[in-house]
């Protein structure tokens, strides 16, 4: 199956960038502590302030889209490297018996 053309990928990245500029992508909400929670030391059994879950930034999303081919490529490289190492090991065992 053919990969997406670079032009299509560039168009998708441009659309995502425009949407981010317009504010269509939501930014994570920041939870602030009230002044009563900020004053004085925290009791031992009191839990820390709630923090909103982390949402990947648009830059992170852009990188995952841009480098989506890396993992399959690394798998192919690993398979080829393993095959070459296996051939070298077999040759190191076979050649001395043939030559000697």
C-alpha atoms as a PDB file:
ATOM      1  CA  UNK A   1       0.000   0.000   0.000  1.00  0.00           C
ATOM      2  CA  UNK A   2       1.343   3.374  -0.985  1.00  0.00           C
ATOM      3  CA  UNK A   3       2.141   5.978   1.643  1.00  0.00           C
ATOM      4  CA  UNK A   4       0.503   9.380   1.767  1.00  0.00           C
ATOM      5  CA  UNK A   5       2.195  11.877  -0.468  1.00  0.00           C
ATOM      6  CA  UNK A   6       4.245  14.588   1.174  1.00  0.00           C
ATOM      7  CA  UNK A   7       1.922  17.170  -0.303  1.00  0.00           C
ATOM      8  CA  UNK A   8      -1.084  15.630   1.470  1.00  0.00           C
ATOM      9  CA  UNK A   9       0.855  15.525   4.743  1.00  0.00           C
ATOM     10  CA  UNK A  10       1.851  19.180   4.324  1.00  0.00           C
ATOM     11  CA  UNK A  11      -1.771  20.149   3.708  1.00  0.00           C
ATOM     12  CA  UNK A  12      -2.850  18.305   6.872  1.00  0.00           C
ATOM     13  CA  UNK A  13      -0.149  20.027   8.943  1.00  0.00           C
ATOM     14  CA  UNK A  14      -1.183  23.420   7.549  1.00  0.00           C
ATOM     15  CA  UNK A  15      -4.842  22.744   8.438  1.00  0.00           C
ATOM     16  CA  UNK A  16      -3.856  21.743  11.986  1.00  0.00           C
ATOM     17  CA  UNK A  17      -1.739  24.887  12.361  1.00  0.00           C
ATOM     18  CA  UNK A  18      -4.578  27.127  11.152  1.00  0.00           C
ATOM     19  CA  UNK A  19      -7.019  25.429  13.541  1.00  0.00           C
ATOM     20  CA  UNK A  20      -4.592  25.960  16.417  1.00  0.00           C
ATOM     21  CA  UNK A  21      -4.212  29.643  15.543  1.00  0.00           C
ATOM     22  CA  UNK A  22      -7.966  30.137  15.438  1.00  0.00           C
ATOM     23  CA  UNK A  23      -8.302  28.541  18.838  1.00  0.00           C
ATOM     24  CA  UNK A  24     -10.280  25.486  17.745  1.00  0.00           C
ATOM     25  CA  UNK A  25      -7.887  23.259  19.638  1.00  0.00           C
ATOM     26  CA  UNK A  26      -8.577  23.551  23.339  1.00  0.00           C
ATOM     27  CA  UNK A  27      -5.809  24.511  25.685  1.00  0.00           C
ATOM     28  CA  UNK A  28      -5.603  22.599  28.996  1.00  0.00           C
ATOM     29  CA  UNK A  29      -7.392  24.335  31.850  1.00  0.00           C
ATOM     30  CA  UNK A  30      -5.283  25.509  34.777  1.00  0.00           C
ATOM     31  CA  UNK A  31      -6.648  24.787  38.245  1.00  0.00           C
ATOM     32  CA  UNK A  32      -5.681  27.483  40.728  1.00  0.00           C
ATOM     33  CA  UNK A  33      -5.673  27.137  44.494  1.00  0.00           C
ATOM     34  CA  UNK A  34      -7.904  29.378  46.541  1.00  0.00           C
ATOM     35  CA  UNK A  35      -6.209  31.833  48.951  1.00  0.00           C
ATOM     36  CA  UNK A  36      -7.396  29.773  51.947  1.00  0.00           C
ATOM     37  CA  UNK A  37      -5.501  26.724  50.656  1.00  0.00           C
ATOM     38  CA  UNK A  38      -2.320  28.706  50.007  1.00  0.00           C
ATOM     39  CA  UNK A  39      -1.969  30.120  53.530  1.00  0.00           C
ATOM     40  CA  UNK A  40      -0.121  28.119  56.190  1.00  0.00           C
ATOM     41  CA  UNK A  41       1.534  24.701  56.109  1.00  0.00           C
ATOM     42  CA  UNK A  42      -0.365  21.777  54.614  1.00  0.00           C
ATOM     43  CA  UNK A  43      -1.734  19.238  57.136  1.00  0.00           C
ATOM     44  CA  UNK A  44      -0.329  15.717  56.845  1.00  0.00           C
ATOM     45  CA  UNK A  45      -3.529  14.031  55.593  1.00  0.00           C
ATOM     46  CA  UNK A  46      -4.612  16.774  53.168  1.00  0.00           C
ATOM     47  CA  UNK A  47      -4.142  15.876  49.516  1.00  0.00           C
ATOM     48  CA  UNK A  48      -2.289  18.268  47.189  1.00  0.00           C
ATOM     49  CA  UNK A  49      -4.240  20.532  44.824  1.00  0.00           C
ATOM     50  CA  UNK A  50      -5.868  18.800  41.880  1.00  0.00           C
ATOM     51  CA  UNK A  51      -4.017  19.165  38.624  1.00  0.00           C
ATOM     52  CA  UNK A  52      -5.770  18.912  35.292  1.00  0.00           C
ATOM     53  CA  UNK A  53      -4.728  15.956  33.122  1.00  0.00           C
ATOM     54  CA  UNK A  54      -1.967  16.677  30.685  1.00  0.00           C
ATOM     55  CA  UNK A  55      -3.079  17.240  27.129  1.00  0.00           C
ATOM     56  CA  UNK A  56      -0.406  16.928  24.444  1.00  0.00           C
ATOM     57  CA  UNK A  57       0.393  20.266  22.872  1.00  0.00           C
ATOM     58  CA  UNK A  58      -0.184  20.927  19.198  1.00  0.00           C
ATOM     59  CA  UNK A  59       3.582  20.742  18.697  1.00  0.00           C
ATOM     60  CA  UNK A  60       3.625  17.189  20.073  1.00  0.00           C
ATOM     61  CA  UNK A  61       0.701  16.220  17.869  1.00  0.00           C
ATOM     62  CA  UNK A  62       2.513  17.700  14.882  1.00  0.00           C
ATOM     63  CA  UNK A  63       5.625  15.629  15.604  1.00  0.00           C
ATOM     64  CA  UNK A  64       3.685  12.383  15.907  1.00  0.00           C
ATOM     65  CA  UNK A  65       2.045  13.062  12.562  1.00  0.00           C
ATOM     66  CA  UNK A  66       5.296  14.072  10.980  1.00  0.00           C
ATOM     67  CA  UNK A  67       7.286  11.034  12.170  1.00  0.00           C
ATOM     68  CA  UNK A  68       4.625   8.336  11.929  1.00  0.00           C
ATOM     69  CA  UNK A  69       6.843   6.290   9.604  1.00  0.00           C
ATOM     70  CA  UNK A  70       9.758   6.015  12.052  1.00  0.00           C
ATOM     71  CA  UNK A  71       8.574   2.994  14.078  1.00  0.00           C
ATOM     72  CA  UNK A  72       7.953   0.742  11.034  1.00  0.00           C
ATOM     73  CA  UNK A  73      11.289   1.827   9.590  1.00  0.00           C
ATOM     74  CA  UNK A  74      13.080   0.978  12.857  1.00  0.00           C
ATOM     75  CA  UNK A  75      11.463  -2.477  12.855  1.00  0.00           C
ATOM     76  CA  UNK A  76      12.694  -3.103   9.308  1.00  0.00           C
ATOM     77  CA  UNK A  77      16.192  -1.921  10.215  1.00  0.00           C
ATOM     78  CA  UNK A  78      16.209  -4.240  13.252  1.00  0.00           C
ATOM     79  CA  UNK A  79      15.140  -7.241  11.179  1.00  0.00           C
ATOM     80  CA  UNK A  80      17.794  -6.555   8.545  1.00  0.00           C
ATOM     81  CA  UNK A  81      20.507  -6.028  11.187  1.00  0.00           C
ATOM     82  CA  UNK A  82      19.505  -9.266  12.944  1.00  0.00           C
ATOM     83  CA  UNK A  83      19.665 -11.178   9.657  1.00  0.00           C
ATOM     84  CA  UNK A  84      23.119  -9.787   8.866  1.00  0.00           C
ATOM     85  CA  UNK A  85      24.428 -10.689  12.337  1.00  0.00           C
ATOM     86  CA  UNK A  86      22.975 -14.202  11.992  1.00  0.00           C
ATOM     87  CA  UNK A  87      24.695 -14.644   8.605  1.00  0.00           C
ATOM     88  CA  UNK A  88      28.014 -13.468  10.076  1.00  0.00           C
ATOM     89  CA  UNK A  89      27.749 -15.926  12.978  1.00  0.00           C
ATOM     90  CA  UNK A  90      26.959 -18.796  10.621  1.00  0.00           C
ATOM     91  CA  UNK A  91      29.862 -17.845   8.349  1.00  0.00           C
ATOM     92  CA  UNK A  92      32.238 -17.668  11.322  1.00  0.00           C
ATOM     93  CA  UNK A  93      31.286 -21.248  12.230  1.00  0.00           C
ATOM     94  CA  UNK A  94      31.241 -22.656   8.678  1.00  0.00           C
ATOM     95  CA  UNK A  95      34.263 -21.012   7.018  1.00  0.00           C
ATOM     96  CA  UNK A  96      36.965 -22.333   9.385  1.00  0.00           C
ATOM     97  CA  UNK A  97      35.820 -25.921   8.746  1.00  0.00           C
ATOM     98  CA  UNK A  98      35.841 -25.367   4.964  1.00  0.00           C
ATOM     99  CA  UNK A  99      39.201 -23.575   4.818  1.00  0.00           C
ATOM    100  CA  UNK A 100      40.980 -25.565   7.498  1.00  0.00           C
END
